[in-house]
Structures are given as structure tokens and as C-alpha cells.
Amino acid sequence: MIPEFREFPKIPRLSRPVVITEKIDGTNGVIYVPDDLEEPILAGNRSQWLLGSNDNHYGFWAWVLEHQDELRIGLGPGTHCGEWWGKGINRGYGQDRKRFSLFNTSRWTEDTKPACCDVVPVICEGMFCDEVIHLAMTRLQEDGSLAAPGYMKPEGIVIFHTAGNLMFKKTLLRDEAWKGKT
């Protein structure tokens, strides 16, 4: 028997546009808004849905429930990913509350986002090159966080490679260290 042929995917060119945003030190949050208004809105983290009693995600599920009408209307149907950050979460950024910042900067801006949400700050956009990445890192290091102005210990950047549809992160401190499980 001949196995099913699997076409080798095209390899995107590295020298293509990138969007560089601030990497906020919080925890990943996911909001699912169903098409059917009768179905419940869902909140999750990187690996699972948070359902009531398992909201061990710094109160994210409770926040989503509190803002579900605004999120349903403002975000619309689909899966929306972002960073849940601020008071009591990792660095805290000197915030007096928790915040949710959407990742998709091609869809969300300060003018189009729901009022209860933020959008990760775009540091720069342009063709991929080491100099652009270096300049973005230098800006954060010298000027501090764009998400929380005045906070001088930002975490780093996220580089979204548009042709590859991939994200890469680079941190200001210990970027070479492995953070995952061994």
C-alpha cells in the first residue's frame, strides 16, 4: 500500500514584514465568544478552559464573566488571545488593577477594542532585520514599558513574522535561559 503523499510546505522568506510588540509579563488568557448568544462565553489559559471552580488564573474567569456582555459585543464571535497582567500577577507593573491586553494588533487598536480591554503596544513595524530588533529592545530598556508608562523593568518583545505567521519572544534579561520544563 502506498502511503498518503504529504506535500512539503513552502518555506517563508525571513526578510519579510514583522510587527514588534511589547512582551508583557503576565499570564496567557483566551476568551471564546460563541456565534450563538445562548451559548456561554468561555475563558481559558494557554492549555485549558477555566471553568468556575478551577479559576486558578489570577481571577481571569471571574473578570470575563463580569465583562461578558461587553466582550460578546466588542470582540464578536471567535477566539481572542491576550495577556492577563497587572496587580498581583508576576511583575505587576505598578498597576492598581488587573488588565487584559489583546495580542492581535492587526485587528485591535485603541479605537476598535472593547473598553474593558487593552491592546499590546506596538513598538515598531517593518522588514525583519537584526537592527530593528535591537532598536526595539533598546527602546524598552531606555524608556521602560509602553503598556505601563513609568515602569522601568519591562520583560521584552514579541516579534510577529507575518509571512511565517509565527511569533518569537526576546527578553531583556536571561533571554538565553531555558524557561520550560526539563
N, C-alpha and C. Protein backbone atom coordinates (compact mmCIF):
# COMPACT_ATOMS: atom_id res chain seq x y z
N MET A 1 0.83 -1.19 0.00
CA MET A 1 0.00 0.00 0.00
C MET A 1 0.88 1.26 0.00
N ILE A 2 0.50 2.23 -0.79
CA ILE A 2 1.26 3.47 -0.88
C ILE A 2 0.71 4.45 0.15
N PRO A 3 1.60 5.03 0.97
CA PRO A 3 1.11 5.98 1.98
C PRO A 3 0.61 7.26 1.32
N GLU A 4 -0.26 7.97 2.02
CA GLU A 4 -0.76 9.24 1.53
C GLU A 4 0.42 10.20 1.35
N PHE A 5 0.45 10.88 0.21
CA PHE A 5 1.52 11.83 -0.04
C PHE A 5 1.28 13.10 0.76
N ARG A 6 2.29 13.54 1.46
CA ARG A 6 2.22 14.79 2.23
C ARG A 6 3.16 15.80 1.60
N GLU A 7 2.56 16.82 1.04
CA GLU A 7 3.32 17.86 0.37
C GLU A 7 4.18 18.62 1.38
N PHE A 8 5.41 18.90 1.02
CA PHE A 8 6.30 19.68 1.88
C PHE A 8 5.84 21.13 1.81
N PRO A 9 5.61 21.78 2.94
CA PRO A 9 5.10 23.16 2.91
C PRO A 9 6.14 24.14 2.38
N LYS A 10 5.64 25.23 1.79
CA LYS A 10 6.54 26.29 1.34
C LYS A 10 7.20 26.92 2.56
N ILE A 11 8.43 27.31 2.41
CA ILE A 11 9.18 27.94 3.50
C ILE A 11 9.11 29.45 3.29
N PRO A 12 8.58 30.18 4.30
CA PRO A 12 8.51 31.64 4.13
C PRO A 12 9.90 32.27 4.17
N ARG A 13 10.06 33.37 3.47
CA ARG A 13 11.32 34.10 3.48
C ARG A 13 11.43 34.87 4.79
N LEU A 14 12.63 34.89 5.36
CA LEU A 14 12.87 35.59 6.61
C LEU A 14 12.76 37.11 6.42
N SER A 15 13.23 37.61 5.30
CA SER A 15 13.21 39.06 5.04
C SER A 15 11.83 39.49 4.57
N ARG A 16 10.90 39.48 5.51
CA ARG A 16 9.52 39.88 5.28
C ARG A 16 9.08 40.75 6.46
N PRO A 17 7.91 41.39 6.33
CA PRO A 17 7.48 42.29 7.41
C PRO A 17 7.29 41.60 8.75
N VAL A 18 7.61 42.35 9.80
CA VAL A 18 7.38 41.90 11.18
C VAL A 18 6.67 43.04 11.93
N VAL A 19 5.95 42.64 12.97
CA VAL A 19 5.35 43.59 13.90
C VAL A 19 5.96 43.26 15.26
N ILE A 20 6.60 44.24 15.87
CA ILE A 20 7.25 44.03 17.17
C ILE A 20 6.42 44.73 18.24
N THR A 21 5.98 43.93 19.21
CA THR A 21 5.17 44.45 20.31
C THR A 21 5.88 44.22 21.63
N GLU A 22 5.41 44.90 22.66
CA GLU A 22 5.97 44.67 23.99
C GLU A 22 5.49 43.33 24.51
N LYS A 23 6.39 42.54 25.06
CA LYS A 23 6.03 41.30 25.75
C LYS A 23 5.76 41.67 27.20
N ILE A 24 4.52 41.50 27.60
CA ILE A 24 4.10 41.85 28.95
C ILE A 24 4.22 40.61 29.83
N ASP A 25 4.78 40.77 31.02
CA ASP A 25 4.97 39.65 31.94
C ASP A 25 3.71 39.46 32.78
N GLY A 26 2.81 38.66 32.24
CA GLY A 26 1.58 38.30 32.93
C GLY A 26 1.33 36.82 32.74
N THR A 27 0.12 36.48 32.35
CA THR A 27 -0.22 35.10 32.07
C THR A 27 -1.19 35.09 30.89
N ASN A 28 -1.06 34.09 30.04
CA ASN A 28 -1.85 34.00 28.83
C ASN A 28 -3.34 33.86 29.15
N GLY A 29 -4.16 34.59 28.43
CA GLY A 29 -5.61 34.49 28.57
C GLY A 29 -6.27 34.31 27.22
N VAL A 30 -7.32 33.48 27.21
CA VAL A 30 -8.07 33.21 25.99
C VAL A 30 -9.55 33.44 26.29
N ILE A 31 -10.22 34.14 25.40
CA ILE A 31 -11.66 34.36 25.51
C ILE A 31 -12.31 33.79 24.26
N TYR A 32 -13.30 32.90 24.45
CA TYR A 32 -14.04 32.36 23.32
C TYR A 32 -15.46 32.91 23.36
N VAL A 33 -15.85 33.57 22.27
CA VAL A 33 -17.20 34.12 22.14
C VAL A 33 -17.91 33.27 21.09
N PRO A 34 -18.94 32.50 21.48
CA PRO A 34 -19.64 31.65 20.51
C PRO A 34 -20.53 32.48 19.58
N ASP A 35 -20.85 31.90 18.41
CA ASP A 35 -21.79 32.53 17.47
C ASP A 35 -23.18 32.66 18.09
N ASP A 36 -23.58 31.61 18.79
CA ASP A 36 -24.91 31.53 19.38
C ASP A 36 -24.93 32.28 20.71
N LEU A 37 -25.78 33.29 20.81
CA LEU A 37 -25.86 34.10 22.03
C LEU A 37 -26.33 33.31 23.24
N GLU A 38 -26.95 32.15 22.99
CA GLU A 38 -27.42 31.30 24.10
C GLU A 38 -26.29 30.49 24.72
N GLU A 39 -25.20 30.30 23.97
CA GLU A 39 -24.06 29.53 24.49
C GLU A 39 -23.21 30.43 25.39
N PRO A 40 -22.59 29.82 26.40
CA PRO A 40 -21.79 30.64 27.32
C PRO A 40 -20.46 31.09 26.72
N ILE A 41 -20.02 32.25 27.13
CA ILE A 41 -18.69 32.73 26.80
C ILE A 41 -17.70 31.90 27.64
N LEU A 42 -16.51 31.63 27.12
CA LEU A 42 -15.52 30.82 27.84
C LEU A 42 -14.24 31.61 28.05
N ALA A 43 -13.54 31.28 29.12
CA ALA A 43 -12.22 31.85 29.41
C ALA A 43 -11.25 30.70 29.57
N GLY A 44 -10.03 30.91 29.13
CA GLY A 44 -9.02 29.87 29.26
C GLY A 44 -7.64 30.45 29.44
N ASN A 45 -6.71 29.54 29.65
CA ASN A 45 -5.30 29.94 29.67
C ASN A 45 -4.64 29.27 28.47
N ARG A 46 -3.36 29.16 28.44
CA ARG A 46 -2.66 28.58 27.30
C ARG A 46 -3.04 27.12 27.06
N SER A 47 -3.43 26.40 28.11
CA SER A 47 -3.59 24.95 27.96
C SER A 47 -4.97 24.39 28.28
N GLN A 48 -5.89 25.21 28.80
CA GLN A 48 -7.19 24.66 29.18
C GLN A 48 -8.22 25.76 29.37
N TRP A 49 -9.51 25.34 29.33
CA TRP A 49 -10.59 26.25 29.67
C TRP A 49 -10.66 26.37 31.18
N LEU A 50 -10.97 27.54 31.66
CA LEU A 50 -11.14 27.78 33.09
C LEU A 50 -12.64 27.78 33.35
N LEU A 51 -13.06 26.85 34.16
CA LEU A 51 -14.49 26.71 34.41
C LEU A 51 -14.79 26.88 35.89
N GLY A 52 -15.23 28.05 36.26
CA GLY A 52 -15.67 28.33 37.62
C GLY A 52 -14.70 27.96 38.70
N SER A 53 -14.81 26.73 39.19
CA SER A 53 -14.03 26.31 40.36
C SER A 53 -12.54 26.16 40.06
N ASN A 54 -12.15 26.06 38.79
CA ASN A 54 -10.72 25.93 38.51
C ASN A 54 -10.12 27.25 38.02
N ASP A 55 -10.72 28.39 38.44
CA ASP A 55 -10.16 29.69 38.07
C ASP A 55 -8.94 29.98 38.94
N ASN A 56 -7.87 29.27 38.64
CA ASN A 56 -6.60 29.47 39.35
C ASN A 56 -5.72 30.41 38.55
N HIS A 57 -6.32 31.19 37.71
CA HIS A 57 -5.62 32.02 36.74
C HIS A 57 -5.71 33.49 37.14
N TYR A 58 -5.51 33.77 38.41
CA TYR A 58 -5.50 35.14 38.91
C TYR A 58 -6.82 35.87 38.68
N GLY A 59 -7.94 35.13 38.74
CA GLY A 59 -9.24 35.77 38.62
C GLY A 59 -9.68 36.09 37.20
N PHE A 60 -9.03 35.51 36.20
CA PHE A 60 -9.38 35.81 34.81
C PHE A 60 -10.81 35.39 34.47
N TRP A 61 -11.19 34.18 34.86
CA TRP A 61 -12.54 33.69 34.57
C TRP A 61 -13.59 34.61 35.19
N ALA A 62 -13.38 35.04 36.43
CA ALA A 62 -14.32 35.94 37.10
C ALA A 62 -14.40 37.28 36.35
N TRP A 63 -13.27 37.79 35.86
CA TRP A 63 -13.25 39.04 35.11
C TRP A 63 -14.03 38.89 33.81
N VAL A 64 -13.83 37.77 33.09
CA VAL A 64 -14.53 37.53 31.84
C VAL A 64 -16.04 37.47 32.10
N LEU A 65 -16.46 36.79 33.15
CA LEU A 65 -17.89 36.74 33.47
C LEU A 65 -18.45 38.13 33.78
N GLU A 66 -17.69 38.91 34.52
CA GLU A 66 -18.13 40.26 34.88
C GLU A 66 -18.31 41.14 33.64
N HIS A 67 -17.48 40.93 32.62
CA HIS A 67 -17.50 41.77 31.41
C HIS A 67 -18.06 41.05 30.19
N GLN A 68 -18.77 39.93 30.40
CA GLN A 68 -19.17 39.09 29.26
C GLN A 68 -20.05 39.81 28.24
N ASP A 69 -20.94 40.68 28.65
CA ASP A 69 -21.79 41.37 27.67
C ASP A 69 -20.95 42.29 26.79
N GLU A 70 -20.06 43.05 27.41
CA GLU A 70 -19.19 43.95 26.66
C GLU A 70 -18.24 43.17 25.75
N LEU A 71 -17.71 42.03 26.24
CA LEU A 71 -16.80 41.21 25.44
C LEU A 71 -17.52 40.57 24.26
N ARG A 72 -18.74 40.09 24.48
CA ARG A 72 -19.53 39.48 23.42
C ARG A 72 -19.75 40.46 22.27
N ILE A 73 -20.14 41.68 22.62
CA ILE A 73 -20.43 42.69 21.61
C ILE A 73 -19.13 43.25 21.02
N GLY A 74 -18.19 43.58 21.88
CA GLY A 74 -16.96 44.25 21.43
C GLY A 74 -15.99 43.36 20.68
N LEU A 75 -15.87 42.10 21.10
CA LEU A 75 -14.94 41.19 20.43
C LEU A 75 -15.59 40.47 19.27
N GLY A 76 -16.85 40.09 19.44
CA GLY A 76 -17.54 39.32 18.42
C GLY A 76 -17.16 37.86 18.49
N PRO A 77 -17.86 37.01 17.72
CA PRO A 77 -17.60 35.57 17.75
C PRO A 77 -16.16 35.23 17.39
N GLY A 78 -15.63 34.21 18.07
CA GLY A 78 -14.29 33.74 17.78
C GLY A 78 -13.46 33.57 19.04
N THR A 79 -12.21 33.21 18.82
CA THR A 79 -11.25 33.02 19.91
C THR A 79 -10.31 34.22 19.93
N HIS A 80 -10.19 34.83 21.10
CA HIS A 80 -9.40 36.06 21.24
C HIS A 80 -8.34 35.83 22.32
N CYS A 81 -7.09 36.01 21.95
CA CYS A 81 -5.97 35.73 22.86
C CYS A 81 -5.31 37.03 23.31
N GLY A 82 -4.79 37.00 24.53
CA GLY A 82 -4.11 38.17 25.06
C GLY A 82 -3.36 37.85 26.34
N GLU A 83 -2.92 38.90 27.01
CA GLU A 83 -2.16 38.76 28.26
C GLU A 83 -2.97 39.33 29.41
N TRP A 84 -3.13 38.54 30.48
CA TRP A 84 -3.80 38.94 31.71
C TRP A 84 -2.68 39.35 32.65
N TRP A 85 -2.64 40.62 33.03
CA TRP A 85 -1.47 41.15 33.73
C TRP A 85 -1.89 42.27 34.68
N GLY A 86 -0.93 42.70 35.47
CA GLY A 86 -1.16 43.82 36.38
C GLY A 86 -1.04 43.41 37.83
N LYS A 87 -1.80 44.07 38.68
CA LYS A 87 -1.71 43.89 40.13
C LYS A 87 -1.78 42.42 40.54
N GLY A 88 -0.72 41.97 41.22
CA GLY A 88 -0.69 40.62 41.76
C GLY A 88 -0.29 39.54 40.78
N ILE A 89 0.03 39.90 39.54
CA ILE A 89 0.43 38.91 38.54
C ILE A 89 1.87 39.19 38.13
N ASN A 90 2.77 38.26 38.41
CA ASN A 90 4.18 38.36 38.06
C ASN A 90 4.75 39.74 38.43
N ARG A 91 5.25 40.53 37.47
CA ARG A 91 5.87 41.82 37.79
C ARG A 91 4.90 42.84 38.35
N GLY A 92 3.65 42.75 38.00
CA GLY A 92 2.64 43.69 38.45
C GLY A 92 2.65 45.04 37.75
N TYR A 93 3.80 45.46 37.28
CA TYR A 93 3.96 46.71 36.53
C TYR A 93 3.47 47.95 37.28
N GLY A 94 3.40 47.89 38.60
CA GLY A 94 2.95 49.04 39.39
C GLY A 94 1.48 49.36 39.18
N GLN A 95 0.71 48.42 38.69
CA GLN A 95 -0.71 48.65 38.41
C GLN A 95 -1.56 48.51 39.67
N ASP A 96 -2.69 49.20 39.69
CA ASP A 96 -3.61 49.10 40.82
C ASP A 96 -4.77 48.15 40.51
N ARG A 97 -4.73 47.52 39.33
CA ARG A 97 -5.76 46.55 38.92
C ARG A 97 -5.16 45.57 37.93
N LYS A 98 -5.94 44.52 37.62
CA LYS A 98 -5.54 43.57 36.58
C LYS A 98 -6.09 44.07 35.25
N ARG A 99 -5.37 43.73 34.17
CA ARG A 99 -5.74 44.19 32.84
C ARG A 99 -5.64 43.04 31.84
N PHE A 100 -6.39 43.14 30.75
CA PHE A 100 -6.32 42.16 29.66
C PHE A 100 -5.95 42.90 28.39
N SER A 101 -4.80 42.54 27.80
CA SER A 101 -4.32 43.17 26.57
C SER A 101 -4.37 42.17 25.42
N LEU A 102 -5.13 42.50 24.40
CA LEU A 102 -5.28 41.64 23.22
C LEU A 102 -3.98 41.60 22.42
N PHE A 103 -3.67 40.43 21.84
CA PHE A 103 -2.45 40.25 21.05
C PHE A 103 -2.59 40.70 19.60
N ASN A 104 -3.74 40.54 18.99
CA ASN A 104 -3.90 40.72 17.55
C ASN A 104 -3.93 42.21 17.19
N THR A 105 -2.74 42.78 16.97
CA THR A 105 -2.64 44.21 16.70
C THR A 105 -3.08 44.57 15.28
N SER A 106 -3.26 43.58 14.40
CA SER A 106 -3.77 43.89 13.07
C SER A 106 -5.29 44.05 13.10
N ARG A 107 -5.93 43.53 14.13
CA ARG A 107 -7.38 43.66 14.28
C ARG A 107 -7.78 44.71 15.31
N TRP A 108 -7.03 44.79 16.41
CA TRP A 108 -7.44 45.64 17.53
C TRP A 108 -6.53 46.86 17.66
N THR A 109 -7.15 47.99 17.88
CA THR A 109 -6.43 49.23 18.16
C THR A 109 -7.12 49.88 19.36
N GLU A 110 -6.58 50.97 19.83
CA GLU A 110 -7.21 51.70 20.92
C GLU A 110 -8.62 52.16 20.52
N ASP A 111 -8.86 52.37 19.22
CA ASP A 111 -10.17 52.83 18.76
C ASP A 111 -11.17 51.71 18.53
N THR A 112 -10.69 50.47 18.31
CA THR A 112 -11.62 49.38 17.95
C THR A 112 -11.82 48.36 19.07
N LYS A 113 -11.00 48.36 20.08
CA LYS A 113 -11.08 47.37 21.16
C LYS A 113 -12.26 47.65 22.09
N PRO A 114 -12.76 46.64 22.80
CA PRO A 114 -13.75 46.90 23.85
C PRO A 114 -13.11 47.75 24.95
N ALA A 115 -13.89 48.58 25.61
CA ALA A 115 -13.36 49.49 26.63
C ALA A 115 -12.71 48.75 27.80
N CYS A 116 -13.15 47.53 28.09
CA CYS A 116 -12.58 46.78 29.22
C CYS A 116 -11.24 46.14 28.89
N CYS A 117 -10.81 46.20 27.63
CA CYS A 117 -9.57 45.57 27.18
C CYS A 117 -8.54 46.62 26.79
N ASP A 118 -7.30 46.18 26.73
CA ASP A 118 -6.21 46.96 26.16
C ASP A 118 -5.68 46.17 24.97
N VAL A 119 -4.69 46.72 24.28
CA VAL A 119 -4.01 46.04 23.18
C VAL A 119 -2.52 46.12 23.47
N VAL A 120 -1.78 45.02 23.23
CA VAL A 120 -0.33 45.08 23.46
C VAL A 120 0.25 46.21 22.62
N PRO A 121 1.16 47.00 23.19
CA PRO A 121 1.71 48.13 22.44
C PRO A 121 2.64 47.68 21.31
N VAL A 122 2.44 48.29 20.15
CA VAL A 122 3.33 48.06 19.01
C VAL A 122 4.53 48.99 19.17
N ILE A 123 5.72 48.41 19.16
CA ILE A 123 6.95 49.19 19.26
C ILE A 123 7.38 49.65 17.88
N CYS A 124 7.33 48.74 16.90
CA CYS A 124 7.66 49.11 15.53
C CYS A 124 7.17 48.04 14.57
N GLU A 125 7.10 48.41 13.30
CA GLU A 125 6.75 47.50 12.21
C GLU A 125 7.73 47.75 11.08
N GLY A 126 8.08 46.71 10.35
CA GLY A 126 8.99 46.87 9.23
C GLY A 126 9.53 45.53 8.79
N MET A 127 10.51 45.58 7.92
CA MET A 127 11.13 44.35 7.43
C MET A 127 11.99 43.73 8.52
N PHE A 128 12.00 42.42 8.58
CA PHE A 128 12.82 41.73 9.56
C PHE A 128 14.29 42.05 9.34
N CYS A 129 14.97 42.45 10.41
CA CYS A 129 16.42 42.57 10.42
C CYS A 129 16.87 42.70 11.87
N ASP A 130 18.10 42.31 12.12
CA ASP A 130 18.62 42.36 13.49
C ASP A 130 18.59 43.77 14.06
N GLU A 131 18.82 44.77 13.23
CA GLU A 131 18.86 46.15 13.71
C GLU A 131 17.51 46.60 14.26
N VAL A 132 16.42 46.23 13.60
CA VAL A 132 15.08 46.60 14.06
C VAL A 132 14.80 45.96 15.43
N ILE A 133 15.20 44.73 15.59
CA ILE A 133 15.00 44.04 16.87
C ILE A 133 15.85 44.71 17.95
N HIS A 134 17.09 45.01 17.63
CA HIS A 134 17.98 45.69 18.58
C HIS A 134 17.41 47.05 18.99
N LEU A 135 16.89 47.80 18.04
CA LEU A 135 16.32 49.12 18.34
C LEU A 135 15.09 49.00 19.24
N ALA A 136 14.25 47.99 19.00
CA ALA A 136 13.06 47.78 19.84
C ALA A 136 13.47 47.44 21.27
N MET A 137 14.47 46.57 21.41
CA MET A 137 14.95 46.20 22.74
C MET A 137 15.57 47.41 23.45
N THR A 138 16.33 48.20 22.73
CA THR A 138 16.96 49.38 23.30
C THR A 138 15.91 50.39 23.76
N ARG A 139 14.87 50.56 22.97
CA ARG A 139 13.79 51.49 23.35
C ARG A 139 13.16 51.08 24.67
N LEU A 140 12.84 49.79 24.81
CA LEU A 140 12.25 49.32 26.06
C LEU A 140 13.21 49.49 27.24
N GLN A 141 14.47 49.15 27.01
CA GLN A 141 15.46 49.24 28.08
C GLN A 141 15.64 50.68 28.55
N GLU A 142 15.65 51.63 27.62
CA GLU A 142 15.89 53.03 27.98
C GLU A 142 14.63 53.77 28.42
N ASP A 143 13.49 53.48 27.78
CA ASP A 143 12.27 54.24 28.06
C ASP A 143 11.30 53.52 28.99
N GLY A 144 11.51 52.22 29.20
CA GLY A 144 10.59 51.45 30.04
C GLY A 144 9.38 50.95 29.26
N SER A 145 8.42 50.43 30.00
CA SER A 145 7.24 49.81 29.41
C SER A 145 6.36 50.81 28.68
N LEU A 146 5.87 50.41 27.52
CA LEU A 146 4.87 51.21 26.81
C LEU A 146 3.48 50.88 27.33
N ALA A 147 3.29 49.65 27.81
CA ALA A 147 1.99 49.23 28.36
C ALA A 147 1.71 49.92 29.69
N ALA A 148 2.76 50.14 30.48
CA ALA A 148 2.63 50.78 31.79
C ALA A 148 3.71 51.87 31.88
N PRO A 149 3.45 53.03 31.27
CA PRO A 149 4.45 54.10 31.26
C PRO A 149 4.97 54.40 32.67
N GLY A 150 6.29 54.56 32.76
CA GLY A 150 6.93 54.81 34.04
C GLY A 150 7.48 53.55 34.69
N TYR A 151 7.03 52.38 34.23
CA TYR A 151 7.54 51.12 34.77
C TYR A 151 8.82 50.78 34.01
N MET A 152 9.94 50.75 34.72
CA MET A 152 11.25 50.66 34.08
C MET A 152 11.85 49.25 34.01
N LYS A 153 11.07 48.22 34.28
CA LYS A 153 11.58 46.85 34.18
C LYS A 153 10.71 46.00 33.27
N PRO A 154 10.51 46.43 32.01
CA PRO A 154 9.69 45.63 31.10
C PRO A 154 10.36 44.29 30.80
N GLU A 155 9.56 43.34 30.33
CA GLU A 155 10.10 42.00 30.10
C GLU A 155 10.85 41.86 28.78
N GLY A 156 10.29 42.37 27.70
CA GLY A 156 10.94 42.19 26.40
C GLY A 156 9.99 42.45 25.26
N ILE A 157 10.23 41.75 24.14
CA ILE A 157 9.44 41.97 22.93
C ILE A 157 8.91 40.65 22.37
N VAL A 158 7.88 40.78 21.55
CA VAL A 158 7.38 39.68 20.74
C VAL A 158 7.50 40.13 19.29
N ILE A 159 8.11 39.28 18.48
CA ILE A 159 8.29 39.56 17.06
C ILE A 159 7.31 38.68 16.31
N PHE A 160 6.33 39.28 15.64
CA PHE A 160 5.39 38.53 14.81
C PHE A 160 5.85 38.61 13.37
N HIS A 161 6.23 37.45 12.83
CA HIS A 161 6.69 37.36 11.44
C HIS A 161 5.46 37.08 10.58
N THR A 162 5.07 38.09 9.77
CA THR A 162 3.80 38.00 9.06
C THR A 162 3.77 36.88 8.01
N ALA A 163 4.84 36.70 7.25
CA ALA A 163 4.84 35.67 6.21
C ALA A 163 4.82 34.26 6.80
N GLY A 164 5.52 34.08 7.92
CA GLY A 164 5.54 32.78 8.56
C GLY A 164 4.38 32.55 9.52
N ASN A 165 3.65 33.62 9.83
CA ASN A 165 2.57 33.56 10.82
C ASN A 165 3.07 32.94 12.12
N LEU A 166 4.25 33.40 12.55
CA LEU A 166 4.89 32.89 13.75
C LEU A 166 5.27 34.04 14.68
N MET A 167 5.27 33.73 15.98
CA MET A 167 5.72 34.70 16.97
C MET A 167 6.97 34.18 17.64
N PHE A 168 7.88 35.10 17.93
CA PHE A 168 9.10 34.78 18.67
C PHE A 168 9.20 35.80 19.79
N LYS A 169 9.74 35.38 20.94
CA LYS A 169 9.92 36.33 22.02
C LYS A 169 11.39 36.52 22.31
N LYS A 170 11.71 37.70 22.83
CA LYS A 170 13.07 38.02 23.21
C LYS A 170 12.96 38.85 24.48
N THR A 171 13.64 38.40 25.53
CA THR A 171 13.55 39.09 26.81
C THR A 171 14.80 39.92 27.06
N LEU A 172 14.62 40.98 27.86
CA LEU A 172 15.74 41.85 28.19
C LEU A 172 16.74 41.15 29.10
N LEU A 173 16.24 40.33 30.02
CA LEU A 173 17.12 39.60 30.94
C LEU A 173 17.03 38.10 30.70
N ARG A 174 18.15 37.42 30.74
CA ARG A 174 18.22 35.96 30.66
C ARG A 174 17.50 35.39 29.44
N ASP A 175 17.64 36.05 28.29
CA ASP A 175 16.99 35.57 27.08
C ASP A 175 17.51 34.20 26.66
N GLU A 176 18.76 33.93 26.97
CA GLU A 176 19.36 32.65 26.57
C GLU A 176 18.95 31.49 27.49
N ALA A 177 18.36 31.79 28.63
CA ALA A 177 17.99 30.73 29.60
C ALA A 177 16.72 30.02 29.15
N TRP A 178 16.69 28.71 29.34
CA TRP A 178 15.53 27.89 29.02
C TRP A 178 14.53 28.03 30.16
N LYS A 179 13.28 28.43 29.83
CA LYS A 179 12.26 28.64 30.85
C LYS A 179 11.36 27.41 31.00
N GLY A 180 11.35 26.55 30.00
CA GLY A 180 10.44 25.41 30.00
C GLY A 180 10.83 24.32 30.99
N LYS A 181 10.01 23.28 30.97
CA LYS A 181 10.26 22.13 31.84
C LYS A 181 11.40 21.29 31.27
N THR A 182 12.14 20.65 32.16
CA THR A 182 13.24 19.80 31.71
C THR A 182 12.80 18.36 31.67
